[in-house]
Amino acid sequence: QGQVFLPEAVVNVLPGPRIPNDQLVDEVLRIRRRHGVTAFVCGADHQAFMLMRGLAERGVRVPEDISLTGFDGTPVPLGLEQPATIRSPLREMG
């Protein structure tokens, strides 16, 4: 409640421009500094995992400093913690 949608804080969602993965973490940190955003929704868990690794390399803690969510319920790679996710019942849906 009371949250504001910031279109300028949306990245890598079509039809907008695509930011390469090697620049994405820096863009997320720029958005955090400029707009005070502390939570990001990733379109899939593998995107959240990539972002988690990049943030950790820069000393940013998930979820203490930035919260992330993903979708899919993908198994967590070694060395990472499970982000908040939504598990889709893909077998049942198929």
C-alpha atoms as a PDB file:
ATOM      1  CA  GLN A   1       0.000   0.000   0.000  1.00  0.00           C
ATOM      2  CA  GLY A   2       1.292   3.439  -0.817  1.00  0.00           C
ATOM      3  CA  GLN A   3       3.791   2.102  -3.350  1.00  0.00           C
ATOM      4  CA  VAL A   4       4.284   4.041  -6.555  1.00  0.00           C
ATOM      5  CA  PHE A   5       4.906   2.413  -9.935  1.00  0.00           C
ATOM      6  CA  LEU A   6       8.017   3.911 -11.542  1.00  0.00           C
ATOM      7  CA  PRO A   7       8.168   3.204 -15.292  1.00  0.00           C
ATOM      8  CA  GLU A   8      11.761   4.493 -15.295  1.00  0.00           C
ATOM      9  CA  ALA A   9      12.672   1.665 -12.892  1.00  0.00           C
ATOM     10  CA  VAL A  10      11.537  -1.068 -15.298  1.00  0.00           C
ATOM     11  CA  VAL A  11      14.384  -2.799 -17.115  1.00  0.00           C
ATOM     12  CA  ASN A  12      14.556  -5.498 -19.775  1.00  0.00           C
ATOM     13  CA  VAL A  13      10.825  -5.674 -20.385  1.00  0.00           C
ATOM     14  CA  LEU A  14       9.709  -5.577 -23.994  1.00  0.00           C
ATOM     15  CA  PRO A  15       9.145  -3.381 -25.947  1.00  0.00           C
ATOM     16  CA  GLY A  16      11.782  -1.321 -24.099  1.00  0.00           C
ATOM     17  CA  PRO A  17      15.517  -1.496 -24.725  1.00  0.00           C
ATOM     18  CA  ARG A  18      17.444  -4.535 -23.510  1.00  0.00           C
ATOM     19  CA  ILE A  19      20.326  -3.983 -21.092  1.00  0.00           C
ATOM     20  CA  PRO A  20      23.073  -6.627 -21.440  1.00  0.00           C
ATOM     21  CA  ASN A  21      23.467  -8.898 -18.402  1.00  0.00           C
ATOM     22  CA  ASP A  22      26.951  -7.547 -17.680  1.00  0.00           C
ATOM     23  CA  GLN A  23      25.428  -4.056 -17.220  1.00  0.00           C
ATOM     24  CA  LEU A  24      22.173  -5.061 -15.536  1.00  0.00           C
ATOM     25  CA  VAL A  25      23.473  -5.146 -11.957  1.00  0.00           C
ATOM     26  CA  ASP A  26      24.883  -1.640 -12.342  1.00  0.00           C
ATOM     27  CA  GLU A  27      21.535  -0.450 -13.705  1.00  0.00           C
ATOM     28  CA  VAL A  28      19.675  -2.001 -10.746  1.00  0.00           C
ATOM     29  CA  LEU A  29      22.046  -0.262  -8.341  1.00  0.00           C
ATOM     30  CA  ARG A  30      21.596   3.034 -10.213  1.00  0.00           C
ATOM     31  CA  ILE A  31      17.800   2.692  -9.899  1.00  0.00           C
ATOM     32  CA  ARG A  32      18.203   1.919  -6.199  1.00  0.00           C
ATOM     33  CA  ARG A  33      20.301   5.055  -5.620  1.00  0.00           C
ATOM     34  CA  ARG A  34      18.225   7.373  -7.792  1.00  0.00           C
ATOM     35  CA  HIS A  35      14.737   6.239  -6.795  1.00  0.00           C
ATOM     36  CA  GLY A  36      15.200   4.377  -3.499  1.00  0.00           C
ATOM     37  CA  VAL A  37      13.839   1.131  -4.947  1.00  0.00           C
ATOM     38  CA  THR A  38      14.579  -1.764  -2.604  1.00  0.00           C
ATOM     39  CA  ALA A  39      12.664  -4.611  -4.269  1.00  0.00           C
ATOM     40  CA  PHE A  40      12.806  -5.962  -7.816  1.00  0.00           C
ATOM     41  CA  VAL A  41      10.585  -8.509  -9.561  1.00  0.00           C
ATOM     42  CA  CYS A  42      12.386 -10.775 -12.002  1.00  0.00           C
ATOM     43  CA  GLY A  43      10.473 -12.494 -14.780  1.00  0.00           C
ATOM     44  CA  ALA A  44      12.108 -15.856 -13.999  1.00  0.00           C
ATOM     45  CA  ASP A  45      14.216 -17.402 -11.254  1.00  0.00           C
ATOM     46  CA  HIS A  46      17.307 -17.697 -13.471  1.00  0.00           C
ATOM     47  CA  GLN A  47      17.238 -13.906 -13.847  1.00  0.00           C
ATOM     48  CA  ALA A  48      17.031 -13.498 -10.070  1.00  0.00           C
ATOM     49  CA  PHE A  49      19.984 -15.884  -9.638  1.00  0.00           C
ATOM     50  CA  MET A  50      22.115 -13.876 -12.075  1.00  0.00           C
ATOM     51  CA  LEU A  51      21.195 -10.660 -10.308  1.00  0.00           C
ATOM     52  CA  MET A  52      21.895 -12.184  -6.872  1.00  0.00           C
ATOM     53  CA  ARG A  53      25.406 -13.198  -7.955  1.00  0.00           C
ATOM     54  CA  GLY A  54      26.187  -9.775  -9.392  1.00  0.00           C
ATOM     55  CA  LEU A  55      24.866  -7.976  -6.326  1.00  0.00           C
ATOM     56  CA  ALA A  56      26.893 -10.226  -4.006  1.00  0.00           C
ATOM     57  CA  GLU A  57      30.047  -9.417  -6.024  1.00  0.00           C
ATOM     58  CA  ARG A  58      29.386  -5.742  -5.238  1.00  0.00           C
ATOM     59  CA  GLY A  59      28.757  -6.362  -1.532  1.00  0.00           C
ATOM     60  CA  VAL A  60      24.969  -5.970  -1.743  1.00  0.00           C
ATOM     61  CA  ARG A  61      23.032  -8.491   0.353  1.00  0.00           C
ATOM     62  CA  VAL A  62      19.799 -10.170  -0.734  1.00  0.00           C
ATOM     63  CA  PRO A  63      17.297  -9.813   0.944  1.00  0.00           C
ATOM     64  CA  GLU A  64      18.797  -7.486   3.571  1.00  0.00           C
ATOM     65  CA  ASP A  65      19.737  -4.673   1.145  1.00  0.00           C
ATOM     66  CA  ILE A  66      17.637  -5.500  -1.936  1.00  0.00           C
ATOM     67  CA  SER A  67      14.707  -7.898  -2.156  1.00  0.00           C
ATOM     68  CA  LEU A  68      14.228 -10.048  -5.266  1.00  0.00           C
ATOM     69  CA  THR A  69      11.425 -12.252  -6.476  1.00  0.00           C
ATOM     70  CA  GLY A  70      11.326 -14.653  -9.370  1.00  0.00           C
ATOM     71  CA  PHE A  71       8.956 -17.070 -11.036  1.00  0.00           C
ATOM     72  CA  ASP A  72       9.203 -20.779 -11.894  1.00  0.00           C
ATOM     73  CA  GLY A  73      10.477 -22.414  -8.696  1.00  0.00           C
ATOM     74  CA  THR A  74      13.740 -23.347 -10.420  1.00  0.00           C
ATOM     75  CA  PRO A  75      16.260 -25.274  -8.275  1.00  0.00           C
ATOM     76  CA  VAL A  76      18.739 -22.930  -6.613  1.00  0.00           C
ATOM     77  CA  PRO A  77      22.344 -23.016  -7.870  1.00  0.00           C
ATOM     78  CA  LEU A  78      25.062 -23.838  -5.342  1.00  0.00           C
ATOM     79  CA  GLY A  79      26.157 -20.875  -3.288  1.00  0.00           C
ATOM     80  CA  LEU A  80      22.870 -18.982  -3.539  1.00  0.00           C
ATOM     81  CA  GLU A  81      19.814 -18.842  -1.327  1.00  0.00           C
ATOM     82  CA  GLN A  82      16.264 -19.346  -2.548  1.00  0.00           C
ATOM     83  CA  PRO A  83      14.723 -16.014  -3.512  1.00  0.00           C
ATOM     84  CA  ALA A  84      11.015 -15.492  -3.076  1.00  0.00           C
ATOM     85  CA  THR A  85       9.432 -17.273  -6.027  1.00  0.00           C
ATOM     86  CA  ILE A  86       6.163 -18.498  -7.422  1.00  0.00           C
ATOM     87  CA  ARG A  87       6.154 -22.141  -8.412  1.00  0.00           C
ATOM     88  CA  SER A  88       3.997 -22.732 -11.447  1.00  0.00           C
ATOM     89  CA  PRO A  89       2.396 -26.186 -11.733  1.00  0.00           C
ATOM     90  CA  LEU A  90       3.888 -26.638 -15.211  1.00  0.00           C
ATOM     91  CA  ARG A  91       3.140 -30.390 -15.473  1.00  0.00           C
ATOM     92  CA  GLU A  92      -0.506 -29.850 -14.591  1.00  0.00           C
ATOM     93  CA  MET A  93      -0.743 -26.846 -16.889  1.00  0.00           C
ATOM     94  CA  GLY A  94       0.686 -28.871 -19.777  1.00  0.00           C
END
